[in-house]
Amino acid sequence: MEDPLISILIPVKNTAVFLPECLASIQNQSYTNWEVLAIDDHSTDLSATILHSFAKDDDRIKVFKNEGTGIINALRKAYSLSSGELITRMDSDDIMTRDKLEIMAAKLKEKGKGHVAIGQVKYFSDRGISNGYERYESWLNLLTQTGNNYAEIYKECVIPSPCWMVFKEDLDHCGAFDHDRYPEDYDLTFRFYETGLKCLPCDRVLHLWRDYDTRTSRTSEHYAQNYFLDIKLFYFLRLEFDNTRPLALWGAGNKGKTIAQGLIKEKLPFYWLCDNPKKIGKKIYDQEMLHYSDLVGLNDPQSIITVANEEAQSMIREYFTSLNKHPKNDYFFFC
């Protein structure tokens, strides 16, 4: 039986310096039954020329122009033109390991529909990787190793945007790229979670993720912190929030204030907690700040945690454990 066709969706915008290496890594895959749907998003460099040059020599590579603008419209266009039974996404500045498609497709063939295949990732850069990216890579790969990615979905995007693969039928069921919500990869991850697609564990690095100053996630406003917080709150209220329980918000830093504004906008009452003696008893947005110990006076509350400090997070976890409270039911870390 022939291996199923894999459609690889690639938005492309001004990545000419990296694009040949990206496309070559796809052509060198051990799995050969694939098609590339590359969408040029109004590039002003030589990206379009490079794409057409590769397409001329390899009819599996198909090049189109983005009729709209931005990654979501490009993905929407690519997906509408895809023919594969299996769908994956690739970033035009990254590199696939040689066995990436083979490993992910084999996992999906073994487990069937209702699953998302993912792989571990490794950041690389000419200038070295920052501590923040190293920590994110380690955290993400640890989740992927066990397939327990959704356990911390409210902290960060738990499925790397260029390293997942699903059956087309499952992607349709999740709404594919019909949504206009950024960051689009985080939004899709939440819809995988909402739909119940199970993450397949993987102990191999399958994707090399390039970091550089002008990459989209660093320069586009759509990947600013407030967009991530908006998505977290949107899906928390949609999937987790129990309006019969009191809601508590922990932390009065910038993230806490952003979430507080979101809750106020939704006209949802909440208790605002912190451990800062300079803030306790004072009001922010007409909301009195309470000491976190006031939580015990609430009847079975749910808590959103916006405290980023790792030591403080450990103490908060210990505190909830002492109260016999459980993650992803009683409390949710938003950072």
Protein backbone atom coordinates (compact mmCIF):
# COMPACT_ATOMS: atom_id res chain seq x y z
CA MET A 1 0.00 0.00 0.00
CA GLU A 2 1.32 3.42 -0.96
CA ASP A 3 2.17 5.79 1.84
CA PRO A 4 -0.49 8.50 2.28
CA LEU A 5 0.18 11.88 0.70
CA ILE A 6 1.39 14.53 3.14
CA SER A 7 0.54 18.15 2.37
CA ILE A 8 3.14 20.56 3.76
CA LEU A 9 1.79 24.10 4.17
CA ILE A 10 4.45 26.83 4.01
CA PRO A 11 3.76 30.57 4.34
CA VAL A 12 6.73 32.47 2.88
CA LYS A 13 7.64 36.10 3.45
CA ASN A 14 11.13 37.50 2.87
CA THR A 15 13.09 34.42 3.91
CA ALA A 16 15.20 34.09 0.77
CA VAL A 17 18.43 33.74 2.72
CA PHE A 18 17.10 30.63 4.51
CA LEU A 19 14.60 29.23 1.99
CA PRO A 20 16.93 26.99 -0.08
CA GLU A 21 18.07 25.14 3.05
CA CYS A 22 14.47 24.72 4.16
CA LEU A 23 13.28 23.33 0.82
CA ALA A 24 16.33 21.08 0.48
CA SER A 25 15.57 19.56 3.88
CA ILE A 26 12.10 18.65 2.58
CA GLN A 27 13.46 17.19 -0.65
CA ASN A 28 15.89 15.07 1.38
CA GLN A 29 13.15 13.45 3.46
CA SER A 30 13.20 9.66 3.72
CA TYR A 31 9.42 9.85 3.19
CA THR A 32 8.85 10.86 -0.43
CA ASN A 33 5.08 11.02 -0.95
CA TRP A 34 4.54 14.68 -0.11
CA GLU A 35 3.49 17.94 -1.69
CA VAL A 36 4.52 21.45 -0.71
CA LEU A 37 1.95 24.24 -0.90
CA ALA A 38 4.15 27.33 -0.65
CA ILE A 39 2.32 30.65 -0.42
CA ASP A 40 4.35 33.77 -1.16
CA ASP A 41 3.02 36.44 1.20
CA HIS A 42 4.04 39.48 -0.90
CA SER A 43 7.78 38.99 -0.42
CA THR A 44 10.02 41.86 -1.47
CA ASP A 45 13.23 39.81 -1.60
CA LEU A 46 14.10 36.85 -3.85
CA SER A 47 11.80 34.38 -2.06
CA ALA A 48 9.38 34.04 -5.00
CA THR A 49 12.25 33.50 -7.45
CA ILE A 50 13.72 30.76 -5.26
CA LEU A 51 10.35 29.07 -4.83
CA HIS A 52 9.70 28.98 -8.57
CA SER A 53 13.21 27.69 -9.20
CA PHE A 54 12.66 24.74 -6.86
CA ALA A 55 9.17 24.14 -8.27
CA LYS A 56 10.55 24.00 -11.81
CA ASP A 57 12.82 21.11 -10.84
CA ASP A 58 10.42 19.30 -8.49
CA ASP A 59 6.73 19.07 -9.37
CA ARG A 60 5.89 18.18 -5.76
CA ILE A 61 6.55 21.84 -4.91
CA LYS A 62 3.66 24.14 -5.82
CA VAL A 63 3.87 27.91 -5.51
CA PHE A 64 1.01 30.38 -5.16
CA LYS A 65 0.54 34.04 -4.26
CA ASN A 66 -1.25 35.08 -1.10
CA GLU A 67 -4.40 36.88 -2.14
CA GLY A 68 -4.76 38.39 1.33
CA THR A 69 -1.97 39.26 3.74
CA GLY A 70 -0.44 37.54 6.72
CA ILE A 71 0.23 34.01 7.92
CA ILE A 72 -3.39 33.04 8.54
CA ASN A 73 -4.50 33.96 5.03
CA ALA A 74 -1.46 32.18 3.59
CA LEU A 75 -2.22 29.02 5.56
CA ARG A 76 -5.87 29.23 4.55
CA LYS A 77 -4.86 29.48 0.90
CA ALA A 78 -2.39 26.60 1.15
CA TYR A 79 -4.88 24.36 2.92
CA SER A 80 -7.59 25.05 0.33
CA LEU A 81 -5.22 23.76 -2.36
CA SER A 82 -3.98 20.71 -0.46
CA SER A 83 -4.70 17.13 -1.51
CA GLY A 84 -3.03 15.15 1.25
CA GLU A 85 -4.64 12.76 3.69
CA LEU A 86 -2.15 14.05 6.25
CA ILE A 87 -1.46 17.74 6.89
CA THR A 88 1.56 19.45 8.41
CA ARG A 89 2.96 22.96 8.53
CA MET A 90 6.52 24.16 7.95
CA ASP A 91 8.22 27.50 8.52
CA SER A 92 10.21 28.72 5.54
CA ASP A 93 13.29 29.58 7.61
CA ASP A 94 13.57 26.24 9.45
CA ILE A 95 15.00 22.79 8.74
CA MET A 96 13.46 19.31 8.92
CA THR A 97 15.50 16.38 10.15
CA ARG A 98 15.66 13.73 7.42
CA ASP A 99 13.20 11.34 9.09
CA LYS A 100 10.68 13.92 10.33
CA LEU A 101 7.84 13.10 7.92
CA GLU A 102 8.46 9.36 8.12
CA ILE A 103 8.30 9.26 11.93
CA MET A 104 5.23 11.48 12.27
CA ALA A 105 3.30 9.72 9.50
CA ALA A 106 4.12 6.30 10.97
CA LYS A 107 2.75 7.35 14.36
CA LEU A 108 -0.49 8.56 12.80
CA LYS A 109 -0.85 5.43 10.67
CA GLU A 110 -0.39 3.29 13.78
CA LYS A 111 -2.79 5.23 16.05
CA GLY A 112 -5.32 6.47 13.50
CA LYS A 113 -7.56 9.49 13.55
CA GLY A 114 -8.12 11.48 16.72
CA HIS A 115 -4.40 12.02 17.27
CA VAL A 116 -1.81 14.72 16.59
CA ALA A 117 1.78 13.67 15.94
CA ILE A 118 4.37 16.05 17.31
CA GLY A 119 8.14 16.07 17.54
CA GLN A 120 10.82 17.53 19.73
CA VAL A 121 12.52 20.70 18.53
CA LYS A 122 15.95 22.27 18.75
CA TYR A 123 16.61 25.99 18.44
CA PHE A 124 19.68 27.11 16.51
CA SER A 125 21.17 30.49 15.66
CA ASP A 126 24.37 31.98 14.33
CA ARG A 127 24.67 34.06 17.49
CA GLY A 128 23.67 31.41 20.04
CA ILE A 129 20.38 30.80 21.84
CA SER A 130 19.13 32.89 24.73
CA ASN A 131 18.41 31.36 28.11
CA GLY A 132 14.70 32.02 27.59
CA TYR A 133 14.57 29.98 24.38
CA GLU A 134 16.67 27.21 25.94
CA ARG A 135 14.19 26.96 28.81
CA TYR A 136 11.22 26.95 26.43
CA GLU A 137 12.84 24.24 24.31
CA SER A 138 13.53 22.05 27.36
CA TRP A 139 10.04 22.59 28.78
CA LEU A 140 8.37 21.86 25.44
CA ASN A 141 10.45 18.76 24.72
CA LEU A 142 9.79 17.35 28.19
CA LEU A 143 6.05 17.61 27.56
CA THR A 144 6.42 16.10 24.09
CA GLN A 145 8.46 13.18 25.38
CA THR A 146 5.47 11.98 27.39
CA GLY A 147 2.69 13.34 25.16
CA ASN A 148 1.38 15.26 28.17
CA ASN A 149 1.46 18.58 26.31
CA TYR A 150 -1.99 19.81 27.27
CA ALA A 151 -1.14 19.63 30.98
CA GLU A 152 0.43 23.10 30.80
CA ILE A 153 -1.44 24.57 27.86
CA TYR A 154 -2.27 27.81 29.67
CA LYS A 155 1.40 28.57 30.34
CA GLU A 156 2.61 28.69 26.73
CA CYS A 157 1.99 27.16 23.32
CA VAL A 158 2.57 23.45 23.95
CA ILE A 159 2.67 22.27 20.33
CA PRO A 160 5.39 23.80 18.11
CA SER A 161 3.78 25.45 15.09
CA PRO A 162 6.10 23.84 12.50
CA CYS A 163 6.23 20.37 14.07
CA TRP A 164 2.79 18.76 14.12
CA MET A 165 0.89 16.48 11.75
CA VAL A 166 -2.77 15.44 11.70
CA PHE A 167 -5.30 13.72 9.50
CA LYS A 168 -7.05 16.22 7.26
CA GLU A 169 -10.41 15.08 8.60
CA ASP A 170 -9.31 15.92 12.14
CA LEU A 171 -8.00 19.33 11.10
CA ASP A 172 -11.34 20.09 9.45
CA HIS A 173 -13.10 19.07 12.64
CA CYS A 174 -10.90 21.54 14.56
CA GLY A 175 -11.81 24.39 12.24
CA ALA A 176 -8.46 24.32 10.40
CA PHE A 177 -7.45 27.90 9.60
CA ASP A 178 -10.92 29.45 9.58
CA HIS A 179 -10.21 31.53 12.69
CA ASP A 180 -8.60 34.97 12.62
CA ARG A 181 -7.15 34.80 16.12
CA TYR A 182 -3.42 35.40 16.68
CA PRO A 183 -1.05 33.85 17.59
CA GLU A 184 -2.51 31.38 15.12
CA ASP A 185 -0.41 28.42 16.29
CA TYR A 186 -1.51 28.83 19.90
CA ASP A 187 -5.13 29.18 18.85
CA LEU A 188 -4.93 25.98 16.78
CA THR A 189 -3.29 24.18 19.70
CA PHE A 190 -6.23 25.13 21.91
CA ARG A 191 -8.62 23.82 19.26
CA PHE A 192 -6.70 20.51 19.12
CA TYR A 193 -7.17 20.39 22.89
CA GLU A 194 -10.83 21.39 22.74
CA THR A 195 -11.57 18.76 20.09
CA GLY A 196 -9.83 16.07 22.11
CA LEU A 197 -7.00 15.17 19.73
CA LYS A 198 -4.50 13.09 21.70
CA CYS A 199 -0.83 14.09 21.55
CA LEU A 200 1.46 11.23 20.51
CA PRO A 201 4.67 11.20 22.55
CA CYS A 202 7.98 11.54 20.75
CA ASP A 203 11.54 11.23 22.06
CA ARG A 204 13.29 12.49 18.92
CA VAL A 205 14.23 15.95 17.70
CA LEU A 206 12.45 16.26 14.35
CA HIS A 207 12.63 19.98 13.71
CA LEU A 208 15.40 22.58 13.80
CA TRP A 209 13.91 25.93 14.75
CA ARG A 210 15.90 28.95 13.58
CA ASP A 211 16.12 32.07 15.72
CA TYR A 212 17.17 35.48 14.38
CA ASP A 213 16.28 39.11 15.04
CA THR A 214 13.80 39.58 12.19
CA ARG A 215 11.84 36.36 12.51
CA THR A 216 8.09 36.98 12.53
CA SER A 217 7.50 35.90 16.12
CA ARG A 218 9.97 38.58 17.24
CA THR A 219 8.78 41.45 15.03
CA SER A 220 5.03 41.08 14.44
CA GLU A 221 2.61 42.74 16.84
CA HIS A 222 0.46 39.60 16.58
CA TYR A 223 2.95 37.75 18.81
CA ALA A 224 3.08 40.34 21.58
CA GLN A 225 2.34 39.18 25.12
CA ASN A 226 -1.17 40.65 25.21
CA TYR A 227 -2.25 38.44 22.29
CA PHE A 228 -1.13 35.34 24.18
CA LEU A 229 -2.98 36.45 27.30
CA ASP A 230 -6.14 37.18 25.30
CA ILE A 231 -6.11 33.64 23.89
CA LYS A 232 -5.50 32.09 27.30
CA LEU A 233 -8.40 33.96 28.86
CA PHE A 234 -10.69 33.30 25.88
CA TYR A 235 -10.21 29.53 26.07
CA PHE A 236 -10.18 29.41 29.86
CA LEU A 237 -13.61 31.03 29.94
CA ARG A 238 -14.79 28.77 27.15
CA LEU A 239 -13.39 25.46 28.34
CA GLU A 240 -12.57 25.57 32.04
CA PHE A 241 -14.50 28.32 33.81
CA ASP A 242 -17.29 27.21 36.13
CA ASN A 243 -19.52 30.20 36.84
CA THR A 244 -20.90 28.49 39.93
CA ARG A 245 -17.47 28.80 41.59
CA PRO A 246 -15.73 31.99 42.76
CA LEU A 247 -12.88 33.13 40.53
CA ALA A 248 -9.57 34.32 41.98
CA LEU A 249 -6.78 36.11 40.13
CA TRP A 250 -3.24 35.86 41.53
CA GLY A 251 -0.67 38.56 40.79
CA ALA A 252 -0.83 42.30 40.13
CA GLY A 253 1.99 42.70 37.63
CA ASN A 254 1.45 43.56 33.96
CA LYS A 255 0.04 40.12 33.14
CA GLY A 256 -2.28 40.17 36.12
CA LYS A 257 -3.53 43.61 35.17
CA THR A 258 -4.15 42.51 31.58
CA ILE A 259 -6.20 39.51 32.74
CA ALA A 260 -8.06 41.72 35.24
CA GLN A 261 -8.99 44.10 32.43
CA GLY A 262 -10.23 41.15 30.39
CA LEU A 263 -12.41 39.89 33.23
CA ILE A 264 -13.79 43.37 33.86
CA LYS A 265 -14.57 43.69 30.14
CA GLU A 266 -16.50 40.42 30.33
CA LYS A 267 -18.29 41.71 33.45
CA LEU A 268 -17.08 38.72 35.46
CA PRO A 269 -16.62 39.18 39.23
CA PHE A 270 -13.31 38.01 40.69
CA TYR A 271 -11.16 38.23 43.79
CA TRP A 272 -7.71 39.72 43.23
CA LEU A 273 -4.94 38.20 45.36
CA CYS A 274 -1.28 38.96 45.95
CA ASP A 275 1.39 38.83 48.67
CA ASN A 276 2.73 42.37 48.22
CA PRO A 277 2.07 44.34 51.43
CA LYS A 278 2.30 47.60 49.47
CA LYS A 279 -0.69 46.58 47.35
CA ILE A 280 -2.87 44.65 49.80
CA GLY A 281 -5.88 46.72 50.82
CA LYS A 282 -5.46 49.13 47.92
CA LYS A 283 -7.61 49.23 44.79
CA ILE A 284 -6.62 48.68 41.18
CA TYR A 285 -9.38 49.23 38.61
CA ASP A 286 -11.71 49.69 41.59
CA GLN A 287 -10.88 46.15 42.70
CA GLU A 288 -9.51 45.71 46.23
CA MET A 289 -6.32 43.69 46.50
CA LEU A 290 -6.53 40.84 49.02
CA HIS A 291 -3.90 38.68 50.67
CA TYR A 292 -3.69 35.26 49.04
CA SER A 293 -4.63 33.60 52.35
CA ASP A 294 -8.14 34.99 51.84
CA LEU A 295 -8.56 32.20 49.28
CA VAL A 296 -9.48 29.76 52.08
CA GLY A 297 -12.57 31.83 52.82
CA LEU A 298 -13.94 31.27 49.31
CA ASN A 299 -16.24 28.37 48.52
CA ASP A 300 -14.39 26.03 46.13
CA PRO A 301 -12.72 28.74 44.00
CA GLN A 302 -10.95 28.50 40.67
CA SER A 303 -7.68 30.43 40.40
CA ILE A 304 -5.78 32.03 37.52
CA ILE A 305 -2.08 32.45 38.37
CA THR A 306 -0.15 35.24 36.62
CA VAL A 307 2.94 35.09 38.85
CA ALA A 308 5.95 34.35 36.62
CA ASN A 309 8.71 33.87 39.19
CA GLU A 310 9.59 30.16 39.31
CA GLU A 311 10.32 30.11 43.03
CA ALA A 312 7.01 31.84 43.73
CA GLN A 313 5.22 29.37 41.45
CA SER A 314 6.68 26.46 43.44
CA MET A 315 5.43 28.00 46.65
CA ILE A 316 1.99 28.54 45.11
CA ARG A 317 1.84 24.90 44.01
CA GLU A 318 2.76 23.78 47.52
CA TYR A 319 0.09 26.04 48.94
CA PHE A 320 -2.57 24.57 46.65
CA THR A 321 -1.41 21.05 47.50
CA SER A 322 -1.83 21.84 51.19
CA LEU A 323 -5.42 22.85 50.40
CA ASN A 324 -5.96 19.63 48.40
CA LYS A 325 -6.43 21.64 45.19
CA HIS A 326 -5.54 20.25 41.78
CA PRO A 327 -4.04 21.78 38.60
CA LYS A 328 -6.25 22.12 35.51
CA ASN A 329 -9.32 22.04 37.73
CA ASP A 330 -8.77 24.33 40.70
CA TYR A 331 -5.85 26.42 39.47
CA PHE A 332 -4.29 27.40 36.13
CA PHE A 333 -0.87 28.91 35.55
CA PHE A 334 -1.03 31.58 32.84
CA CYS A 335 2.76 32.04 32.73
